Amino acid sequence: MFLGKVIGEVWASRKMPDLEGKRLLVIEQVDDTDGPAAPKVTPVVAADPLGADMGEIVVVAFGKAARVAFGGDGDFAYEAAIVGIVDQGHTPGRAWFDGYRKEGGS
């Protein structure tokens, strides 16, 4: 899993049946390090069962965890899914959450 920020949305008129009715969002990894030990996995297109909005920080899962987020367990045409929408957070020494607080968050 990784933390990411919703930066866009994707629409596809022709797609695999597994993707029918699924909202697809473009997620950019939240990471303020540029060293060689911090490989980038973004941008990622993730299926969204939770209704995340542009600019929100989200938790993205891959593989089986992503498929379980939609109530499935089999082989589906998506590899990443949003499994959480972050209200707020704190990571000492990192600027990931500086100035971020979701409306209505605790």
PDB file of N, CA and C in Angstrom:
ATOM      1  N   MET A   1       0.846  -1.177   0.000  1.00  0.00           N
ATOM      2  CA  MET A   1       0.000   0.000   0.000  1.00  0.00           C
ATOM      3  C   MET A   1       0.889   1.237   0.000  1.00  0.00           C
ATOM      4  N   PHE A   2       0.314   2.335  -0.451  1.00  0.00           N
ATOM      5  CA  PHE A   2       1.015   3.600  -0.384  1.00  0.00           C
ATOM      6  C   PHE A   2       0.023   4.740  -0.218  1.00  0.00           C
ATOM      7  N   LEU A   3       0.546   5.876   0.249  1.00  0.00           N
ATOM      8  CA  LEU A   3      -0.248   7.097   0.344  1.00  0.00           C
ATOM      9  C   LEU A   3      -0.115   7.847  -0.964  1.00  0.00           C
ATOM     10  N   GLY A   4      -1.231   8.374  -1.443  1.00  0.00           N
ATOM     11  CA  GLY A   4      -1.208   9.132  -2.679  1.00  0.00           C
ATOM     12  C   GLY A   4      -2.208  10.263  -2.644  1.00  0.00           C
ATOM     13  N   LYS A   5      -2.078  11.144  -3.627  1.00  0.00           N
ATOM     14  CA  LYS A   5      -2.985  12.288  -3.761  1.00  0.00           C
ATOM     15  C   LYS A   5      -3.731  12.151  -5.084  1.00  0.00           C
ATOM     16  N   VAL A   6      -5.037  12.361  -5.046  1.00  0.00           N
ATOM     17  CA  VAL A   6      -5.847  12.281  -6.257  1.00  0.00           C
ATOM     18  C   VAL A   6      -5.539  13.501  -7.121  1.00  0.00           C
ATOM     19  N   ILE A   7      -5.030  13.248  -8.340  1.00  0.00           N
ATOM     20  CA  ILE A   7      -4.660  14.363  -9.227  1.00  0.00           C
ATOM     21  C   ILE A   7      -5.458  14.374 -10.530  1.00  0.00           C
ATOM     22  N   GLY A   8      -6.309  13.374 -10.731  1.00  0.00           N
ATOM     23  CA  GLY A   8      -7.083  13.350 -11.966  1.00  0.00           C
ATOM     24  C   GLY A   8      -8.043  12.178 -12.017  1.00  0.00           C
ATOM     25  N   GLU A   9      -8.773  12.113 -13.123  1.00  0.00           N
ATOM     26  CA  GLU A   9      -9.748  11.045 -13.336  1.00  0.00           C
ATOM     27  C   GLU A   9      -9.610  10.562 -14.771  1.00  0.00           C
ATOM     28  N   VAL A  10      -9.909   9.289 -15.009  1.00  0.00           N
ATOM     29  CA  VAL A  10      -9.800   8.686 -16.334  1.00  0.00           C
ATOM     30  C   VAL A  10     -11.165   8.155 -16.739  1.00  0.00           C
ATOM     31  N   TRP A  11     -11.547   8.415 -17.987  1.00  0.00           N
ATOM     32  CA  TRP A  11     -12.773   7.862 -18.540  1.00  0.00           C
ATOM     33  C   TRP A  11     -12.388   7.009 -19.739  1.00  0.00           C
ATOM     34  N   ALA A  12     -13.006   5.860 -19.876  1.00  0.00           N
ATOM     35  CA  ALA A  12     -12.734   4.979 -21.007  1.00  0.00           C
ATOM     36  C   ALA A  12     -14.060   4.432 -21.525  1.00  0.00           C
ATOM     37  N   SER A  13     -14.361   4.722 -22.787  1.00  0.00           N
ATOM     38  CA  SER A  13     -15.622   4.226 -23.347  1.00  0.00           C
ATOM     39  C   SER A  13     -15.508   2.751 -23.721  1.00  0.00           C
ATOM     40  N   ARG A  14     -14.310   2.292 -24.032  1.00  0.00           N
ATOM     41  CA  ARG A  14     -14.090   0.865 -24.308  1.00  0.00           C
ATOM     42  C   ARG A  14     -13.173   0.321 -23.228  1.00  0.00           C
ATOM     43  N   LYS A  15     -13.654  -0.678 -22.508  1.00  0.00           N
ATOM     44  CA  LYS A  15     -12.887  -1.243 -21.405  1.00  0.00           C
ATOM     45  C   LYS A  15     -13.327  -2.675 -21.139  1.00  0.00           C
ATOM     46  N   MET A  16     -12.539  -3.372 -20.346  1.00  0.00           N
ATOM     47  CA  MET A  16     -12.874  -4.726 -19.951  1.00  0.00           C
ATOM     48  C   MET A  16     -14.165  -4.700 -19.117  1.00  0.00           C
ATOM     49  N   PRO A  17     -14.978  -5.735 -19.206  1.00  0.00           N
ATOM     50  CA  PRO A  17     -16.226  -5.780 -18.433  1.00  0.00           C
ATOM     51  C   PRO A  17     -16.012  -5.589 -16.923  1.00  0.00           C
ATOM     52  N   ASP A  18     -14.862  -6.050 -16.406  1.00  0.00           N
ATOM     53  CA  ASP A  18     -14.573  -5.885 -14.976  1.00  0.00           C
ATOM     54  C   ASP A  18     -14.538  -4.429 -14.547  1.00  0.00           C
ATOM     55  N   LEU A  19     -14.274  -3.528 -15.484  1.00  0.00           N
ATOM     56  CA  LEU A  19     -14.155  -2.104 -15.157  1.00  0.00           C
ATOM     57  C   LEU A  19     -15.460  -1.340 -15.325  1.00  0.00           C
ATOM     58  N   GLU A  20     -16.488  -1.990 -15.848  1.00  0.00           N
ATOM     59  CA  GLU A  20     -17.783  -1.323 -16.020  1.00  0.00           C
ATOM     60  C   GLU A  20     -18.289  -0.805 -14.679  1.00  0.00           C
ATOM     61  N   GLY A  21     -18.684   0.457 -14.645  1.00  0.00           N
ATOM     62  CA  GLY A  21     -19.254   1.059 -13.438  1.00  0.00           C
ATOM     63  C   GLY A  21     -18.230   1.440 -12.377  1.00  0.00           C
ATOM     64  N   LYS A  22     -16.956   1.258 -12.671  1.00  0.00           N
ATOM     65  CA  LYS A  22     -15.927   1.610 -11.695  1.00  0.00           C
ATOM     66  C   LYS A  22     -15.322   2.963 -12.048  1.00  0.00           C
ATOM     67  N   ARG A  23     -15.208   3.820 -11.064  1.00  0.00           N
ATOM     68  CA  ARG A  23     -14.587   5.133 -11.233  1.00  0.00           C
ATOM     69  C   ARG A  23     -13.073   4.943 -11.173  1.00  0.00           C
ATOM     70  N   LEU A  24     -12.361   5.515 -12.135  1.00  0.00           N
ATOM     71  CA  LEU A  24     -10.916   5.373 -12.202  1.00  0.00           C
ATOM     72  C   LEU A  24     -10.249   6.715 -11.941  1.00  0.00           C
ATOM     73  N   LEU A  25      -9.394   6.771 -10.921  1.00  0.00           N
ATOM     74  CA  LEU A  25      -8.721   8.002 -10.543  1.00  0.00           C
ATOM     75  C   LEU A  25      -7.214   7.893 -10.771  1.00  0.00           C
ATOM     76  N   VAL A  26      -6.590   9.017 -11.075  1.00  0.00           N
ATOM     77  CA  VAL A  26      -5.140   9.076 -11.231  1.00  0.00           C
ATOM     78  C   VAL A  26      -4.562   9.512  -9.896  1.00  0.00           C
ATOM     79  N   ILE A  27      -3.636   8.699  -9.365  1.00  0.00           N
ATOM     80  CA  ILE A  27      -3.064   8.932  -8.041  1.00  0.00           C
ATOM     81  C   ILE A  27      -1.564   9.167  -8.166  1.00  0.00           C
ATOM     82  N   GLU A  28      -1.090  10.223  -7.513  1.00  0.00           N
ATOM     83  CA  GLU A  28       0.339  10.531  -7.448  1.00  0.00           C
ATOM     84  C   GLU A  28       0.835  10.200  -6.051  1.00  0.00           C
ATOM     85  N   GLN A  29       1.924   9.456  -5.961  1.00  0.00           N
ATOM     86  CA  GLN A  29       2.457   9.058  -4.665  1.00  0.00           C
ATOM     87  C   GLN A  29       2.833  10.284  -3.839  1.00  0.00           C
ATOM     88  N   VAL A  30       2.477  10.243  -2.549  1.00  0.00           N
ATOM     89  CA  VAL A  30       2.841  11.303  -1.612  1.00  0.00           C
ATOM     90  C   VAL A  30       4.208  10.931  -1.052  1.00  0.00           C
ATOM     91  N   ASP A  31       5.233  11.608  -1.527  1.00  0.00           N
ATOM     92  CA  ASP A  31       6.592  11.300  -1.098  1.00  0.00           C
ATOM     93  C   ASP A  31       7.449  12.517  -1.389  1.00  0.00           C
ATOM     94  N   ASP A  32       8.099  13.030  -0.348  1.00  0.00           N
ATOM     95  CA  ASP A  32       8.929  14.215  -0.551  1.00  0.00           C
ATOM     96  C   ASP A  32      10.417  13.874  -0.592  1.00  0.00           C
ATOM     97  N   THR A  33      10.745  12.614  -0.856  1.00  0.00           N
ATOM     98  CA  THR A  33      12.141  12.227  -0.980  1.00  0.00           C
ATOM     99  C   THR A  33      12.450  11.929  -2.437  1.00  0.00           C
ATOM    100  N   ASP A  34      13.652  12.237  -2.846  1.00  0.00           N
ATOM    101  CA  ASP A  34      14.058  12.010  -4.231  1.00  0.00           C
ATOM    102  C   ASP A  34      15.250  11.086  -4.348  1.00  0.00           C
ATOM    103  N   GLY A  35      15.666  10.487  -3.239  1.00  0.00           N
ATOM    104  CA  GLY A  35      16.838   9.624  -3.253  1.00  0.00           C
ATOM    105  C   GLY A  35      16.609   8.342  -4.030  1.00  0.00           C
ATOM    106  N   PRO A  36      17.694   7.647  -4.368  1.00  0.00           N
ATOM    107  CA  PRO A  36      17.567   6.404  -5.138  1.00  0.00           C
ATOM    108  C   PRO A  36      16.847   5.297  -4.376  1.00  0.00           C
ATOM    109  N   ALA A  37      16.780   5.400  -3.060  1.00  0.00           N
ATOM    110  CA  ALA A  37      16.072   4.388  -2.273  1.00  0.00           C
ATOM    111  C   ALA A  37      14.573   4.632  -2.238  1.00  0.00           C
ATOM    112  N   ALA A  38      14.097   5.671  -2.919  1.00  0.00           N
ATOM    113  CA  ALA A  38      12.669   6.008  -2.911  1.00  0.00           C
ATOM    114  C   ALA A  38      12.112   5.929  -4.328  1.00  0.00           C
ATOM    115  N   PRO A  39      11.948   4.707  -4.870  1.00  0.00           N
ATOM    116  CA  PRO A  39      11.426   4.593  -6.233  1.00  0.00           C
ATOM    117  C   PRO A  39       9.988   5.096  -6.319  1.00  0.00           C
ATOM    118  N   LYS A  40       9.686   5.713  -7.414  1.00  0.00           N
ATOM    119  CA  LYS A  40       8.336   6.244  -7.624  1.00  0.00           C
ATOM    120  C   LYS A  40       7.455   5.180  -8.274  1.00  0.00           C
ATOM    121  N   VAL A  41       6.238   5.065  -7.830  1.00  0.00           N
ATOM    122  CA  VAL A  41       5.290   4.111  -8.405  1.00  0.00           C
ATOM    123  C   VAL A  41       4.148   4.855  -9.084  1.00  0.00           C
ATOM    124  N   THR A  42       4.354   6.115  -9.369  1.00  0.00           N
ATOM    125  CA  THR A  42       3.237   6.904  -9.863  1.00  0.00           C
ATOM    126  C   THR A  42       3.551   7.546 -11.198  1.00  0.00           C
ATOM    127  N   PRO A  43       2.549   7.998 -11.902  1.00  0.00           N
ATOM    128  CA  PRO A  43       1.156   7.965 -11.477  1.00  0.00           C
ATOM    129  C   PRO A  43       0.563   6.571 -11.613  1.00  0.00           C
ATOM    130  N   VAL A  44      -0.440   6.317 -10.806  1.00  0.00           N
ATOM    131  CA  VAL A  44      -1.156   5.040 -10.807  1.00  0.00           C
ATOM    132  C   VAL A  44      -2.622   5.326 -11.075  1.00  0.00           C
ATOM    133  N   VAL A  45      -3.241   4.501 -11.894  1.00  0.00           N
ATOM    134  CA  VAL A  45      -4.689   4.574 -12.081  1.00  0.00           C
ATOM    135  C   VAL A  45      -5.302   3.547 -11.136  1.00  0.00           C
ATOM    136  N   ALA A  46      -6.167   4.015 -10.245  1.00  0.00           N
ATOM    137  CA  ALA A  46      -6.757   3.142  -9.230  1.00  0.00           C
ATOM    138  C   ALA A  46      -8.278   3.193  -9.305  1.00  0.00           C
ATOM    139  N   ALA A  47      -8.897   2.046  -9.137  1.00  0.00           N
ATOM    140  CA  ALA A  47     -10.357   1.972  -9.042  1.00  0.00           C
ATOM    141  C   ALA A  47     -10.767   2.559  -7.691  1.00  0.00           C
ATOM    142  N   ASP A  48     -11.888   3.275  -7.676  1.00  0.00           N
ATOM    143  CA  ASP A  48     -12.302   3.993  -6.464  1.00  0.00           C
ATOM    144  C   ASP A  48     -13.694   3.591  -5.993  1.00  0.00           C
ATOM    145  N   PRO A  49     -13.786   2.717  -4.977  1.00  0.00           N
ATOM    146  CA  PRO A  49     -15.100   2.352  -4.441  1.00  0.00           C
ATOM    147  C   PRO A  49     -15.608   3.304  -3.366  1.00  0.00           C
ATOM    148  N   LEU A  50     -14.767   4.281  -2.952  1.00  0.00           N
ATOM    149  CA  LEU A  50     -15.110   5.128  -1.803  1.00  0.00           C
ATOM    150  C   LEU A  50     -15.565   6.536  -2.154  1.00  0.00           C
ATOM    151  N   GLY A  51     -15.334   6.989  -3.369  1.00  0.00           N
ATOM    152  CA  GLY A  51     -15.763   8.328  -3.758  1.00  0.00           C
ATOM    153  C   GLY A  51     -14.793   9.432  -3.373  1.00  0.00           C
ATOM    154  N   ALA A  52     -13.501   9.198  -3.556  1.00  0.00           N
ATOM    155  CA  ALA A  52     -12.488  10.218  -3.242  1.00  0.00           C
ATOM    156  C   ALA A  52     -12.625  11.413  -4.179  1.00  0.00           C
ATOM    157  N   ASP A  53     -12.268  12.587  -3.669  1.00  0.00           N
ATOM    158  CA  ASP A  53     -12.335  13.821  -4.450  1.00  0.00           C
ATOM    159  C   ASP A  53     -10.937  14.264  -4.868  1.00  0.00           C
ATOM    160  N   MET A  54     -10.883  15.157  -5.859  1.00  0.00           N
ATOM    161  CA  MET A  54      -9.619  15.729  -6.314  1.00  0.00           C
ATOM    162  C   MET A  54      -8.889  16.362  -5.126  1.00  0.00           C
ATOM    163  N   GLY A  55      -7.587  16.131  -5.050  1.00  0.00           N
ATOM    164  CA  GLY A  55      -6.768  16.733  -4.014  1.00  0.00           C
ATOM    165  C   GLY A  55      -6.735  15.979  -2.703  1.00  0.00           C
ATOM    166  N   GLU A  56      -7.595  14.983  -2.526  1.00  0.00           N
ATOM    167  CA  GLU A  56      -7.595  14.229  -1.274  1.00  0.00           C
ATOM    168  C   GLU A  56      -6.415  13.266  -1.229  1.00  0.00           C
ATOM    169  N   ILE A  57      -5.941  13.017  -0.019  1.00  0.00           N
ATOM    170  CA  ILE A  57      -4.901  12.020   0.197  1.00  0.00           C
ATOM    171  C   ILE A  57      -5.607  10.696   0.478  1.00  0.00           C
ATOM    172  N   VAL A  58      -5.149   9.653  -0.210  1.00  0.00           N
ATOM    173  CA  VAL A  58      -5.806   8.350  -0.128  1.00  0.00           C
ATOM    174  C   VAL A  58      -4.791   7.237   0.139  1.00  0.00           C
ATOM    175  N   VAL A  59      -5.292   6.111   0.620  1.00  0.00           N
ATOM    176  CA  VAL A  59      -4.493   4.901   0.781  1.00  0.00           C
ATOM    177  C   VAL A  59      -4.824   4.003  -0.406  1.00  0.00           C
ATOM    178  N   VAL A  60      -3.789   3.582  -1.126  1.00  0.00           N
ATOM    179  CA  VAL A  60      -3.973   2.754  -2.317  1.00  0.00           C
ATOM    180  C   VAL A  60      -3.392   1.369  -2.053  1.00  0.00           C
ATOM    181  N   ALA A  61      -4.174   0.339  -2.360  1.00  0.00           N
ATOM    182  CA  ALA A  61      -3.729  -1.054  -2.224  1.00  0.00           C
ATOM    183  C   ALA A  61      -3.570  -1.658  -3.611  1.00  0.00           C
ATOM    184  N   PHE A  62      -2.709  -2.670  -3.685  1.00  0.00           N
ATOM    185  CA  PHE A  62      -2.471  -3.378  -4.943  1.00  0.00           C
ATOM    186  C   PHE A  62      -2.907  -4.830  -4.829  1.00  0.00           C
ATOM    187  N   GLY A  63      -3.086  -5.475  -5.975  1.00  0.00           N
ATOM    188  CA  GLY A  63      -3.310  -6.911  -6.028  1.00  0.00           C
ATOM    189  C   GLY A  63      -4.600  -7.364  -5.378  1.00  0.00           C
ATOM    190  N   LYS A  64      -4.498  -8.468  -4.632  1.00  0.00           N
ATOM    191  CA  LYS A  64      -5.681  -9.058  -4.015  1.00  0.00           C
ATOM    192  C   LYS A  64      -6.380  -8.073  -3.082  1.00  0.00           C
ATOM    193  N   ALA A  65      -5.609  -7.280  -2.334  1.00  0.00           N
ATOM    194  CA  ALA A  65      -6.212  -6.296  -1.426  1.00  0.00           C
ATOM    195  C   ALA A  65      -7.082  -5.307  -2.200  1.00  0.00           C
ATOM    196  N   ALA A  66      -6.654  -4.934  -3.402  1.00  0.00           N
ATOM    197  CA  ALA A  66      -7.444  -4.019  -4.227  1.00  0.00           C
ATOM    198  C   ALA A  66      -8.738  -4.680  -4.680  1.00  0.00           C
ATOM    199  N   ARG A  67      -8.660  -5.929  -5.072  1.00  0.00           N
ATOM    200  CA  ARG A  67      -9.858  -6.629  -5.539  1.00  0.00           C
ATOM    201  C   ARG A  67     -10.847  -6.878  -4.407  1.00  0.00           C
ATOM    202  N   VAL A  68     -10.342  -7.164  -3.220  1.00  0.00           N
ATOM    203  CA  VAL A  68     -11.197  -7.368  -2.050  1.00  0.00           C
ATOM    204  C   VAL A  68     -11.952  -6.082  -1.707  1.00  0.00           C
ATOM    205  N   ALA A  69     -11.356  -4.926  -1.999  1.00  0.00           N
ATOM    206  CA  ALA A  69     -12.013  -3.642  -1.728  1.00  0.00           C
ATOM    207  C   ALA A  69     -13.348  -3.528  -2.459  1.00  0.00           C
ATOM    208  N   PHE A  70     -13.485  -4.243  -3.565  1.00  0.00           N
ATOM    209  CA  PHE A  70     -14.735  -4.243  -4.325  1.00  0.00           C
ATOM    210  C   PHE A  70     -15.570  -5.483  -4.044  1.00  0.00           C
ATOM    211  N   GLY A  71     -15.196  -6.238  -3.018  1.00  0.00           N
ATOM    212  CA  GLY A  71     -15.957  -7.420  -2.660  1.00  0.00           C
ATOM    213  C   GLY A  71     -15.619  -8.641  -3.488  1.00  0.00           C
ATOM    214  N   GLY A  72     -14.525  -8.583  -4.237  1.00  0.00           N
ATOM    215  CA  GLY A  72     -14.143  -9.720  -5.067  1.00  0.00           C
ATOM    216  C   GLY A  72     -12.928 -10.431  -4.508  1.00  0.00           C
ATOM    217  N   ASP A  73     -12.569 -11.520  -5.156  1.00  0.00           N
ATOM    218  CA  ASP A  73     -11.386 -12.269  -4.740  1.00  0.00           C
ATOM    219  C   ASP A  73     -10.717 -12.923  -5.942  1.00  0.00           C
ATOM    220  N   GLY A  74     -11.302 -12.756  -7.116  1.00  0.00           N
ATOM    221  CA  GLY A  74     -10.795 -13.445  -8.296  1.00  0.00           C
ATOM    222  C   GLY A  74      -9.890 -12.586  -9.150  1.00  0.00           C
ATOM    223  N   ASP A  75      -9.769 -12.978 -10.393  1.00  0.00           N
ATOM    224  CA  ASP A  75      -8.947 -12.248 -11.353  1.00  0.00           C
ATOM    225  C   ASP A  75      -9.781 -11.157 -12.001  1.00  0.00           C
ATOM    226  N   PHE A  76      -9.407  -9.930 -11.750  1.00  0.00           N
ATOM    227  CA  PHE A  76     -10.103  -8.786 -12.319  1.00  0.00           C
ATOM    228  C   PHE A  76      -9.120  -7.934 -13.113  1.00  0.00           C
ATOM    229  N   ALA A  77      -9.632  -7.023 -13.913  1.00  0.00           N
ATOM    230  CA  ALA A  77      -8.803  -6.226 -14.806  1.00  0.00           C
ATOM    231  C   ALA A  77      -8.193  -5.002 -14.131  1.00  0.00           C
ATOM    232  N   TYR A  78      -8.235  -4.913 -12.828  1.00  0.00           N
ATOM    233  CA  TYR A  78      -7.579  -3.789 -12.154  1.00  0.00           C
ATOM    234  C   TYR A  78      -6.623  -4.307 -11.097  1.00  0.00           C
ATOM    235  N   GLU A  79      -5.562  -3.549 -10.879  1.00  0.00           N
ATOM    236  CA  GLU A  79      -4.498  -3.960  -9.967  1.00  0.00           C
ATOM    237  C   GLU A  79      -4.401  -3.054  -8.746  1.00  0.00           C
ATOM    238  N   ALA A  80      -4.998  -1.866  -8.812  1.00  0.00           N
ATOM    239  CA  ALA A  80      -4.908  -0.904  -7.703  1.00  0.00           C
ATOM    240  C   ALA A  80      -6.299  -0.367  -7.373  1.00  0.00           C
ATOM    241  N   ALA A  81      -6.540  -0.139  -6.076  1.00  0.00           N
ATOM    242  CA  ALA A  81      -7.818   0.421  -5.636  1.00  0.00           C
ATOM    243  C   ALA A  81      -7.598   1.294  -4.414  1.00  0.00           C
ATOM    244  N   ILE A  82      -8.437   2.312  -4.286  1.00  0.00           N
ATOM    245  CA  ILE A  82      -8.413   3.178  -3.108  1.00  0.00           C
ATOM    246  C   ILE A  82      -9.132   2.430  -1.990  1.00  0.00           C
ATOM    247  N   VAL A  83      -8.434   2.256  -0.864  1.00  0.00           N
ATOM    248  CA  VAL A  83      -9.021   1.518   0.266  1.00  0.00           C
ATOM    249  C   VAL A  83      -9.209   2.406   1.494  1.00  0.00           C
ATOM    250  N   GLY A  84      -8.810   3.676   1.394  1.00  0.00           N
ATOM    251  CA  GLY A  84      -9.001   4.603   2.494  1.00  0.00           C
ATOM    252  C   GLY A  84      -8.846   6.035   2.029  1.00  0.00           C
ATOM    253  N   ILE A  85      -9.616   6.944   2.640  1.00  0.00           N
ATOM    254  CA  ILE A  85      -9.489   8.381   2.394  1.00  0.00           C
ATOM    255  C   ILE A  85      -9.002   8.995   3.698  1.00  0.00           C
ATOM    256  N   VAL A  86      -7.844   9.638   3.651  1.00  0.00           N
ATOM    257  CA  VAL A  86      -7.190  10.164   4.851  1.00  0.00           C
ATOM    258  C   VAL A  86      -7.877  11.442   5.313  1.00  0.00           C
ATOM    259  N   ASP A  87      -8.203  11.508   6.611  1.00  0.00           N
ATOM    260  CA  ASP A  87      -8.747  12.726   7.199  1.00  0.00           C
ATOM    261  C   ASP A  87      -7.616  13.671   7.578  1.00  0.00           C
ATOM    262  N   GLN A  88      -6.625  13.140   8.257  1.00  0.00           N
ATOM    263  CA  GLN A  88      -5.439  13.906   8.623  1.00  0.00           C
ATOM    264  C   GLN A  88      -4.359  12.927   9.041  1.00  0.00           C
ATOM    265  N   GLY A  89      -3.141  13.418   9.195  1.00  0.00           N
ATOM    266  CA  GLY A  89      -2.050  12.542   9.590  1.00  0.00           C
ATOM    267  C   GLY A  89      -0.847  13.345  10.043  1.00  0.00           C
ATOM    268  N   HIS A  90       0.125  12.639  10.574  1.00  0.00           N
ATOM    269  CA  HIS A  90       1.360  13.264  11.023  1.00  0.00           C
ATOM    270  C   HIS A  90       2.499  12.268  10.830  1.00  0.00           C
ATOM    271  N   THR A  91       3.536  12.704  10.161  1.00  0.00           N
ATOM    272  CA  THR A  91       4.727  11.896   9.964  1.00  0.00           C
ATOM    273  C   THR A  91       5.922  12.783  10.277  1.00  0.00           C
ATOM    274  N   PRO A  92       6.570  12.584  11.443  1.00  0.00           N
ATOM    275  CA  PRO A  92       7.703  13.439  11.829  1.00  0.00           C
ATOM    276  C   PRO A  92       8.780  13.481  10.748  1.00  0.00           C
ATOM    277  N   GLY A  93       9.238  14.674  10.453  1.00  0.00           N
ATOM    278  CA  GLY A  93      10.296  14.856   9.479  1.00  0.00           C
ATOM    279  C   GLY A  93       9.847  14.857   8.034  1.00  0.00           C
ATOM    280  N   ARG A  94       8.564  14.696   7.786  1.00  0.00           N
ATOM    281  CA  ARG A  94       8.028  14.693   6.417  1.00  0.00           C
ATOM    282  C   ARG A  94       6.953  15.761   6.302  1.00  0.00           C
ATOM    283  N   ALA A  95       6.809  16.315   5.106  1.00  0.00           N
ATOM    284  CA  ALA A  95       5.836  17.383   4.883  1.00  0.00           C
ATOM    285  C   ALA A  95       4.552  16.863   4.233  1.00  0.00           C
ATOM    286  N   TRP A  96       4.342  15.554   4.243  1.00  0.00           N
ATOM    287  CA  TRP A  96       3.209  14.971   3.535  1.00  0.00           C
ATOM    288  C   TRP A  96       1.872  15.577   3.934  1.00  0.00           C
ATOM    289  N   PHE A  97       1.681  15.835   5.233  1.00  0.00           N
ATOM    290  CA  PHE A  97       0.374  16.278   5.705  1.00  0.00           C
ATOM    291  C   PHE A  97       0.340  17.762   6.069  1.00  0.00           C
ATOM    292  N   ASP A  98       1.431  18.484   5.820  1.00  0.00           N
ATOM    293  CA  ASP A  98       1.472  19.911   6.148  1.00  0.00           C
ATOM    294  C   ASP A  98       0.327  20.649   5.443  1.00  0.00           C
ATOM    295  N   GLY A  99      -0.523  21.286   6.198  1.00  0.00           N
ATOM    296  CA  GLY A  99      -1.629  22.050   5.647  1.00  0.00           C
ATOM    297  C   GLY A  99      -2.784  21.218   5.152  1.00  0.00           C
ATOM    298  N   TYR A 100      -2.737  19.891   5.340  1.00  0.00           N
ATOM    299  CA  TYR A 100      -3.816  19.024   4.860  1.00  0.00           C
ATOM    300  C   TYR A 100      -4.728  18.638   6.015  1.00  0.00           C
ATOM    301  N   ARG A 101      -5.986  18.839   5.811  1.00  0.00           N
ATOM    302  CA  ARG A 101      -7.000  18.342   6.728  1.00  0.00           C
ATOM    303  C   ARG A 101      -8.287  18.247   5.938  1.00  0.00           C
ATOM    304  N   LYS A 102      -8.805  17.056   5.810  1.00  0.00           N
ATOM    305  CA  LYS A 102     -10.027  16.844   5.039  1.00  0.00           C
ATOM    306  C   LYS A 102     -11.194  17.490   5.775  1.00  0.00           C
ATOM    307  N   GLU A 103     -12.065  18.138   5.043  1.00  0.00           N
ATOM    308  CA  GLU A 103     -13.280  18.720   5.617  1.00  0.00           C
ATOM    309  C   GLU A 103     -14.057  17.639   6.333  1.00  0.00           C
ATOM    310  N   GLY A 104     -14.467  17.914   7.537  1.00  0.00           N
ATOM    311  CA  GLY A 104     -15.250  16.952   8.303  1.00  0.00           C
ATOM    312  C   GLY A 104     -14.396  15.927   9.016  1.00  0.00           C
ATOM    313  N   GLY A 105     -13.057  15.984   8.813  1.00  0.00           N
ATOM    314  CA  GLY A 105     -12.159  15.043   9.475  1.00  0.00           C
ATOM    315  C   GLY A 105     -12.039  15.368  10.943  1.00  0.00           C
ATOM    316  N   SER A 106     -11.607  14.393  11.717  1.00  0.00           N
ATOM    317  CA  SER A 106     -11.494  14.611  13.161  1.00  0.00           C
ATOM    318  C   SER A 106     -10.180  15.254  13.539  1.00  0.00           C
TER     319      SER A 106
END
